[in-house]
Amino acid sequence: MRYLDGQEPDPLYPHSETMHHMLTLSMVMAIIIGIVLFILGRRGNVLWLKVWSILLIVLSLAYLIADAINLV
């Protein structure tokens, strides 16, 4: 069961805390993957790989910052 018997879900925070932790872990993994892909893009001199990896890192960091200041 998702909720205890008789307990109603909070309409302001309908998702569980586990979902929040999974999203945070996904963003941290995306930053690590983005760094690795950027390094590979620099070694292979592949422009699109460098651009996409930088965007992945920037967007993941933006999500984590927005989450830290409670915008998400």
PDB file of N, CA and C in Angstrom:
ATOM      1  N   MET A   1       0.822  -1.176   0.000  1.00  0.00           N
ATOM      2  CA  MET A   1       0.000   0.000   0.000  1.00  0.00           C
ATOM      3  C   MET A   1       0.870   1.245   0.000  1.00  0.00           C
ATOM      4  N   ARG A   2       0.360   2.247  -0.607  1.00  0.00           N
ATOM      5  CA  ARG A   2       1.107   3.490  -0.689  1.00  0.00           C
ATOM      6  C   ARG A   2       0.906   4.356   0.552  1.00  0.00           C
ATOM      7  N   TYR A   3      -0.282   4.357   1.103  1.00  0.00           N
ATOM      8  CA  TYR A   3      -0.604   5.177   2.272  1.00  0.00           C
ATOM      9  C   TYR A   3      -1.123   4.275   3.386  1.00  0.00           C
ATOM     10  N   LEU A   4      -1.006   4.758   4.601  1.00  0.00           N
ATOM     11  CA  LEU A   4      -1.547   4.023   5.731  1.00  0.00           C
ATOM     12  C   LEU A   4      -3.067   4.016   5.652  1.00  0.00           C
ATOM     13  N   ASP A   5      -3.686   3.058   6.323  1.00  0.00           N
ATOM     14  CA  ASP A   5      -5.151   2.991   6.343  1.00  0.00           C
ATOM     15  C   ASP A   5      -5.729   4.271   6.913  1.00  0.00           C
ATOM     16  N   GLY A   6      -6.649   4.864   6.181  1.00  0.00           N
ATOM     17  CA  GLY A   6      -7.314   6.069   6.638  1.00  0.00           C
ATOM     18  C   GLY A   6      -6.548   7.354   6.372  1.00  0.00           C
ATOM     19  N   GLN A   7      -5.341   7.254   5.875  1.00  0.00           N
ATOM     20  CA  GLN A   7      -4.544   8.448   5.610  1.00  0.00           C
ATOM     21  C   GLN A   7      -4.763   8.887   4.161  1.00  0.00           C
ATOM     22  N   GLU A   8      -5.099  10.139   3.988  1.00  0.00           N
ATOM     23  CA  GLU A   8      -5.317  10.692   2.648  1.00  0.00           C
ATOM     24  C   GLU A   8      -4.000  11.236   2.097  1.00  0.00           C
ATOM     25  N   PRO A   9      -3.798  11.155   0.793  1.00  0.00           N
ATOM     26  CA  PRO A   9      -2.569  11.730   0.226  1.00  0.00           C
ATOM     27  C   PRO A   9      -2.575  13.251   0.323  1.00  0.00           C
ATOM     28  N   ASP A  10      -1.412  13.803   0.498  1.00  0.00           N
ATOM     29  CA  ASP A  10      -1.265  15.253   0.583  1.00  0.00           C
ATOM     30  C   ASP A  10      -1.404  15.838  -0.822  1.00  0.00           C
ATOM     31  N   PRO A  11      -2.390  16.689  -1.074  1.00  0.00           N
ATOM     32  CA  PRO A  11      -2.579  17.221  -2.432  1.00  0.00           C
ATOM     33  C   PRO A  11      -1.456  18.159  -2.884  1.00  0.00           C
ATOM     34  N   LEU A  12      -0.717  18.733  -1.927  1.00  0.00           N
ATOM     35  CA  LEU A  12       0.394  19.613  -2.294  1.00  0.00           C
ATOM     36  C   LEU A  12       1.652  18.837  -2.639  1.00  0.00           C
ATOM     37  N   TYR A  13       1.761  17.600  -2.147  1.00  0.00           N
ATOM     38  CA  TYR A  13       2.934  16.771  -2.411  1.00  0.00           C
ATOM     39  C   TYR A  13       2.459  15.345  -2.677  1.00  0.00           C
ATOM     40  N   PRO A  14       1.926  15.089  -3.891  1.00  0.00           N
ATOM     41  CA  PRO A  14       1.308  13.795  -4.154  1.00  0.00           C
ATOM     42  C   PRO A  14       2.315  12.655  -4.347  1.00  0.00           C
ATOM     43  N   HIS A  15       3.561  12.969  -4.638  1.00  0.00           N
ATOM     44  CA  HIS A  15       4.542  11.919  -4.889  1.00  0.00           C
ATOM     45  C   HIS A  15       5.254  11.547  -3.597  1.00  0.00           C
ATOM     46  N   SER A  16       5.726  10.336  -3.538  1.00  0.00           N
ATOM     47  CA  SER A  16       6.420   9.888  -2.335  1.00  0.00           C
ATOM     48  C   SER A  16       7.838  10.458  -2.302  1.00  0.00           C
ATOM     49  N   GLU A  17       8.464  10.368  -1.162  1.00  0.00           N
ATOM     50  CA  GLU A  17       9.834  10.850  -0.986  1.00  0.00           C
ATOM     51  C   GLU A  17      10.814  10.016  -1.815  1.00  0.00           C
ATOM     52  N   THR A  18      10.488   8.760  -2.034  1.00  0.00           N
ATOM     53  CA  THR A  18      11.353   7.896  -2.835  1.00  0.00           C
ATOM     54  C   THR A  18      11.459   8.406  -4.263  1.00  0.00           C
ATOM     55  N   MET A  19      10.366   8.892  -4.812  1.00  0.00           N
ATOM     56  CA  MET A  19      10.381   9.444  -6.172  1.00  0.00           C
ATOM     57  C   MET A  19      11.327  10.635  -6.252  1.00  0.00           C
ATOM     58  N   HIS A  20      11.322  11.458  -5.229  1.00  0.00           N
ATOM     59  CA  HIS A  20      12.206  12.622  -5.178  1.00  0.00           C
ATOM     60  C   HIS A  20      13.667  12.176  -5.173  1.00  0.00           C
ATOM     61  N   HIS A  21      13.987  11.164  -4.380  1.00  0.00           N
ATOM     62  CA  HIS A  21      15.361  10.666  -4.311  1.00  0.00           C
ATOM     63  C   HIS A  21      15.796  10.046  -5.634  1.00  0.00           C
ATOM     64  N   MET A  22      14.888   9.372  -6.325  1.00  0.00           N
ATOM     65  CA  MET A  22      15.223   8.772  -7.614  1.00  0.00           C
ATOM     66  C   MET A  22      15.528   9.848  -8.654  1.00  0.00           C
ATOM     67  N   LEU A  23      14.773  10.933  -8.657  1.00  0.00           N
ATOM     68  CA  LEU A  23      15.039  12.028  -9.593  1.00  0.00           C
ATOM     69  C   LEU A  23      16.384  12.688  -9.297  1.00  0.00           C
ATOM     70  N   THR A  24      16.691  12.878  -8.037  1.00  0.00           N
ATOM     71  CA  THR A  24      17.972  13.468  -7.661  1.00  0.00           C
ATOM     72  C   THR A  24      19.125  12.562  -8.079  1.00  0.00           C
ATOM     73  N   LEU A  25      18.991  11.266  -7.838  1.00  0.00           N
ATOM     74  CA  LEU A  25      20.019  10.311  -8.251  1.00  0.00           C
ATOM     75  C   LEU A  25      20.181  10.310  -9.769  1.00  0.00           C
ATOM     76  N   SER A  26      19.082  10.405 -10.497  1.00  0.00           N
ATOM     77  CA  SER A  26      19.148  10.446 -11.961  1.00  0.00           C
ATOM     78  C   SER A  26      19.903  11.675 -12.445  1.00  0.00           C
ATOM     79  N   MET A  27      19.705  12.808 -11.795  1.00  0.00           N
ATOM     80  CA  MET A  27      20.407  14.026 -12.195  1.00  0.00           C
ATOM     81  C   MET A  27      21.899  13.938 -11.894  1.00  0.00           C
ATOM     82  N   VAL A  28      22.250  13.342 -10.767  1.00  0.00           N
ATOM     83  CA  VAL A  28      23.668  13.166 -10.430  1.00  0.00           C
ATOM     84  C   VAL A  28      24.324  12.224 -11.432  1.00  0.00           C
ATOM     85  N   MET A  29      23.638  11.139 -11.781  1.00  0.00           N
ATOM     86  CA  MET A  29      24.176  10.210 -12.776  1.00  0.00           C
ATOM     87  C   MET A  29      24.296  10.889 -14.135  1.00  0.00           C
ATOM     88  N   ALA A  30      23.345  11.753 -14.491  1.00  0.00           N
ATOM     89  CA  ALA A  30      23.394  12.468 -15.761  1.00  0.00           C
ATOM     90  C   ALA A  30      24.603  13.398 -15.809  1.00  0.00           C
ATOM     91  N   ILE A  31      24.944  14.016 -14.694  1.00  0.00           N
ATOM     92  CA  ILE A  31      26.125  14.887 -14.653  1.00  0.00           C
ATOM     93  C   ILE A  31      27.390  14.067 -14.885  1.00  0.00           C
ATOM     94  N   ILE A  32      27.485  12.915 -14.232  1.00  0.00           N
ATOM     95  CA  ILE A  32      28.655  12.046 -14.399  1.00  0.00           C
ATOM     96  C   ILE A  32      28.756  11.555 -15.844  1.00  0.00           C
ATOM     97  N   ILE A  33      27.644  11.115 -16.405  1.00  0.00           N
ATOM     98  CA  ILE A  33      27.627  10.644 -17.790  1.00  0.00           C
ATOM     99  C   ILE A  33      27.983  11.790 -18.738  1.00  0.00           C
ATOM    100  N   GLY A  34      27.461  12.992 -18.473  1.00  0.00           N
ATOM    101  CA  GLY A  34      27.775  14.145 -19.303  1.00  0.00           C
ATOM    102  C   GLY A  34      29.257  14.476 -19.291  1.00  0.00           C
ATOM    103  N   ILE A  35      29.891  14.371 -18.133  1.00  0.00           N
ATOM    104  CA  ILE A  35      31.334  14.636 -18.039  1.00  0.00           C
ATOM    105  C   ILE A  35      32.111  13.608 -18.855  1.00  0.00           C
ATOM    106  N   VAL A  36      31.739  12.342 -18.722  1.00  0.00           N
ATOM    107  CA  VAL A  36      32.421  11.280 -19.478  1.00  0.00           C
ATOM    108  C   VAL A  36      32.229  11.493 -20.978  1.00  0.00           C
ATOM    109  N   LEU A  37      31.013  11.808 -21.401  1.00  0.00           N
ATOM    110  CA  LEU A  37      30.762  12.035 -22.826  1.00  0.00           C
ATOM    111  C   LEU A  37      31.497  13.271 -23.340  1.00  0.00           C
ATOM    112  N   PHE A  38      31.617  14.296 -22.515  1.00  0.00           N
ATOM    113  CA  PHE A  38      32.367  15.477 -22.932  1.00  0.00           C
ATOM    114  C   PHE A  38      33.839  15.147 -23.148  1.00  0.00           C
ATOM    115  N   ILE A  39      34.394  14.366 -22.243  1.00  0.00           N
ATOM    116  CA  ILE A  39      35.800  13.943 -22.394  1.00  0.00           C
ATOM    117  C   ILE A  39      35.974  13.123 -23.666  1.00  0.00           C
ATOM    118  N   LEU A  40      35.048  12.201 -23.917  1.00  0.00           N
ATOM    119  CA  LEU A  40      35.130  11.407 -25.140  1.00  0.00           C
ATOM    120  C   LEU A  40      34.958  12.278 -26.386  1.00  0.00           C
ATOM    121  N   GLY A  41      34.090  13.270 -26.312  1.00  0.00           N
ATOM    122  CA  GLY A  41      33.898  14.185 -27.427  1.00  0.00           C
ATOM    123  C   GLY A  41      35.126  15.027 -27.709  1.00  0.00           C
ATOM    124  N   ARG A  42      35.824  15.415 -26.668  1.00  0.00           N
ATOM    125  CA  ARG A  42      37.062  16.193 -26.863  1.00  0.00           C
ATOM    126  C   ARG A  42      38.155  15.335 -27.458  1.00  0.00           C
ATOM    127  N   ARG A  43      38.253  14.091 -26.992  1.00  0.00           N
ATOM    128  CA  ARG A  43      39.297  13.199 -27.524  1.00  0.00           C
ATOM    129  C   ARG A  43      39.052  12.857 -28.989  1.00  0.00           C
ATOM    130  N   GLY A  44      37.782  12.631 -29.330  1.00  0.00           N
ATOM    131  CA  GLY A  44      37.449  12.274 -30.701  1.00  0.00           C
ATOM    132  C   GLY A  44      37.172  13.472 -31.583  1.00  0.00           C
ATOM    133  N   ASN A  45      37.229  14.668 -31.007  1.00  0.00           N
ATOM    134  CA  ASN A  45      36.942  15.905 -31.731  1.00  0.00           C
ATOM    135  C   ASN A  45      35.578  15.839 -32.427  1.00  0.00           C
ATOM    136  N   VAL A  46      34.550  15.452 -31.640  1.00  0.00           N
ATOM    137  CA  VAL A  46      33.182  15.322 -32.143  1.00  0.00           C
ATOM    138  C   VAL A  46      32.362  16.460 -31.538  1.00  0.00           C
ATOM    139  N   LEU A  47      31.998  17.421 -32.387  1.00  0.00           N
ATOM    140  CA  LEU A  47      31.335  18.629 -31.909  1.00  0.00           C
ATOM    141  C   LEU A  47      29.967  18.348 -31.299  1.00  0.00           C
ATOM    142  N   TRP A  48      29.130  17.532 -31.952  1.00  0.00           N
ATOM    143  CA  TRP A  48      27.781  17.300 -31.449  1.00  0.00           C
ATOM    144  C   TRP A  48      27.805  16.600 -30.101  1.00  0.00           C
ATOM    145  N   LEU A  49      28.787  15.738 -29.879  1.00  0.00           N
ATOM    146  CA  LEU A  49      28.875  15.047 -28.594  1.00  0.00           C
ATOM    147  C   LEU A  49      29.257  16.017 -27.485  1.00  0.00           C
ATOM    148  N   LYS A  50      30.130  16.952 -27.794  1.00  0.00           N
ATOM    149  CA  LYS A  50      30.506  17.966 -26.801  1.00  0.00           C
ATOM    150  C   LYS A  50      29.317  18.866 -26.472  1.00  0.00           C
ATOM    151  N   VAL A  51      28.574  19.279 -27.492  1.00  0.00           N
ATOM    152  CA  VAL A  51      27.423  20.164 -27.270  1.00  0.00           C
ATOM    153  C   VAL A  51      26.352  19.463 -26.438  1.00  0.00           C
ATOM    154  N   TRP A  52      25.996  18.242 -26.806  1.00  0.00           N
ATOM    155  CA  TRP A  52      24.951  17.513 -26.079  1.00  0.00           C
ATOM    156  C   TRP A  52      25.374  17.196 -24.645  1.00  0.00           C
ATOM    157  N   SER A  53      26.647  16.879 -24.438  1.00  0.00           N
ATOM    158  CA  SER A  53      27.092  16.573 -23.076  1.00  0.00           C
ATOM    159  C   SER A  53      27.094  17.834 -22.212  1.00  0.00           C
ATOM    160  N   ILE A  54      27.469  18.976 -22.786  1.00  0.00           N
ATOM    161  CA  ILE A  54      27.417  20.233 -22.022  1.00  0.00           C
ATOM    162  C   ILE A  54      25.971  20.570 -21.667  1.00  0.00           C
ATOM    163  N   LEU A  55      25.049  20.398 -22.621  1.00  0.00           N
ATOM    164  CA  LEU A  55      23.636  20.645 -22.334  1.00  0.00           C
ATOM    165  C   LEU A  55      23.106  19.711 -21.250  1.00  0.00           C
ATOM    166  N   LEU A  56      23.522  18.451 -21.290  1.00  0.00           N
ATOM    167  CA  LEU A  56      23.105  17.488 -20.273  1.00  0.00           C
ATOM    168  C   LEU A  56      23.578  17.922 -18.893  1.00  0.00           C
ATOM    169  N   ILE A  57      24.824  18.357 -18.807  1.00  0.00           N
ATOM    170  CA  ILE A  57      25.371  18.805 -17.529  1.00  0.00           C
ATOM    171  C   ILE A  57      24.653  20.062 -17.037  1.00  0.00           C
ATOM    172  N   VAL A  58      24.461  21.021 -17.918  1.00  0.00           N
ATOM    173  CA  VAL A  58      23.827  22.296 -17.532  1.00  0.00           C
ATOM    174  C   VAL A  58      22.388  22.073 -17.066  1.00  0.00           C
ATOM    175  N   LEU A  59      21.624  21.287 -17.822  1.00  0.00           N
ATOM    176  CA  LEU A  59      20.228  21.052 -17.443  1.00  0.00           C
ATOM    177  C   LEU A  59      20.113  20.245 -16.152  1.00  0.00           C
ATOM    178  N   SER A  60      21.009  19.298 -15.949  1.00  0.00           N
ATOM    179  CA  SER A  60      20.989  18.520 -14.703  1.00  0.00           C
ATOM    180  C   SER A  60      21.334  19.406 -13.513  1.00  0.00           C
ATOM    181  N   LEU A  61      22.337  20.259 -13.682  1.00  0.00           N
ATOM    182  CA  LEU A  61      22.685  21.185 -12.606  1.00  0.00           C
ATOM    183  C   LEU A  61      21.552  22.174 -12.338  1.00  0.00           C
ATOM    184  N   ALA A  62      20.899  22.627 -13.398  1.00  0.00           N
ATOM    185  CA  ALA A  62      19.777  23.551 -13.226  1.00  0.00           C
ATOM    186  C   ALA A  62      18.652  22.900 -12.434  1.00  0.00           C
ATOM    187  N   TYR A  63      18.378  21.626 -12.708  1.00  0.00           N
ATOM    188  CA  TYR A  63      17.339  20.929 -11.944  1.00  0.00           C
ATOM    189  C   TYR A  63      17.735  20.813 -10.477  1.00  0.00           C
ATOM    190  N   LEU A  64      18.981  20.437 -10.215  1.00  0.00           N
ATOM    191  CA  LEU A  64      19.419  20.284  -8.820  1.00  0.00           C
ATOM    192  C   LEU A  64      19.388  21.620  -8.079  1.00  0.00           C
ATOM    193  N   ILE A  65      19.765  22.696  -8.748  1.00  0.00           N
ATOM    194  CA  ILE A  65      19.721  24.020  -8.108  1.00  0.00           C
ATOM    195  C   ILE A  65      18.270  24.425  -7.858  1.00  0.00           C
ATOM    196  N   ALA A  66      17.411  24.216  -8.849  1.00  0.00           N
ATOM    197  CA  ALA A  66      15.991  24.551  -8.665  1.00  0.00           C
ATOM    198  C   ALA A  66      15.376  23.713  -7.542  1.00  0.00           C
ATOM    199  N   ASP A  67      15.794  22.473  -7.430  1.00  0.00           N
ATOM    200  CA  ASP A  67      15.289  21.617  -6.356  1.00  0.00           C
ATOM    201  C   ASP A  67      15.800  22.093  -4.997  1.00  0.00           C
ATOM    202  N   ALA A  68      17.025  22.568  -4.963  1.00  0.00           N
ATOM    203  CA  ALA A  68      17.598  23.030  -3.686  1.00  0.00           C
ATOM    204  C   ALA A  68      16.893  24.279  -3.167  1.00  0.00           C
ATOM    205  N   ILE A  69      16.410  25.123  -4.078  1.00  0.00           N
ATOM    206  CA  ILE A  69      15.726  26.340  -3.630  1.00  0.00           C
ATOM    207  C   ILE A  69      14.197  26.187  -3.738  1.00  0.00           C
ATOM    208  N   ASN A  70      13.738  24.948  -3.836  1.00  0.00           N
ATOM    209  CA  ASN A  70      12.317  24.591  -3.819  1.00  0.00           C
ATOM    210  C   ASN A  70      11.503  25.210  -4.944  1.00  0.00           C
ATOM    211  N   LEU A  71      12.057  25.260  -6.131  1.00  0.00           N
ATOM    212  CA  LEU A  71      11.300  25.717  -7.298  1.00  0.00           C
ATOM    213  C   LEU A  71      10.657  24.550  -8.043  1.00  0.00           C
ATOM    214  N   VAL A  72      11.093  23.356  -7.754  1.00  0.00           N
ATOM    215  CA  VAL A  72      10.564  22.159  -8.424  1.00  0.00           C
ATOM    216  C   VAL A  72       9.634  21.436  -7.487  1.00  0.00           C
TER     217      VAL A  72
END
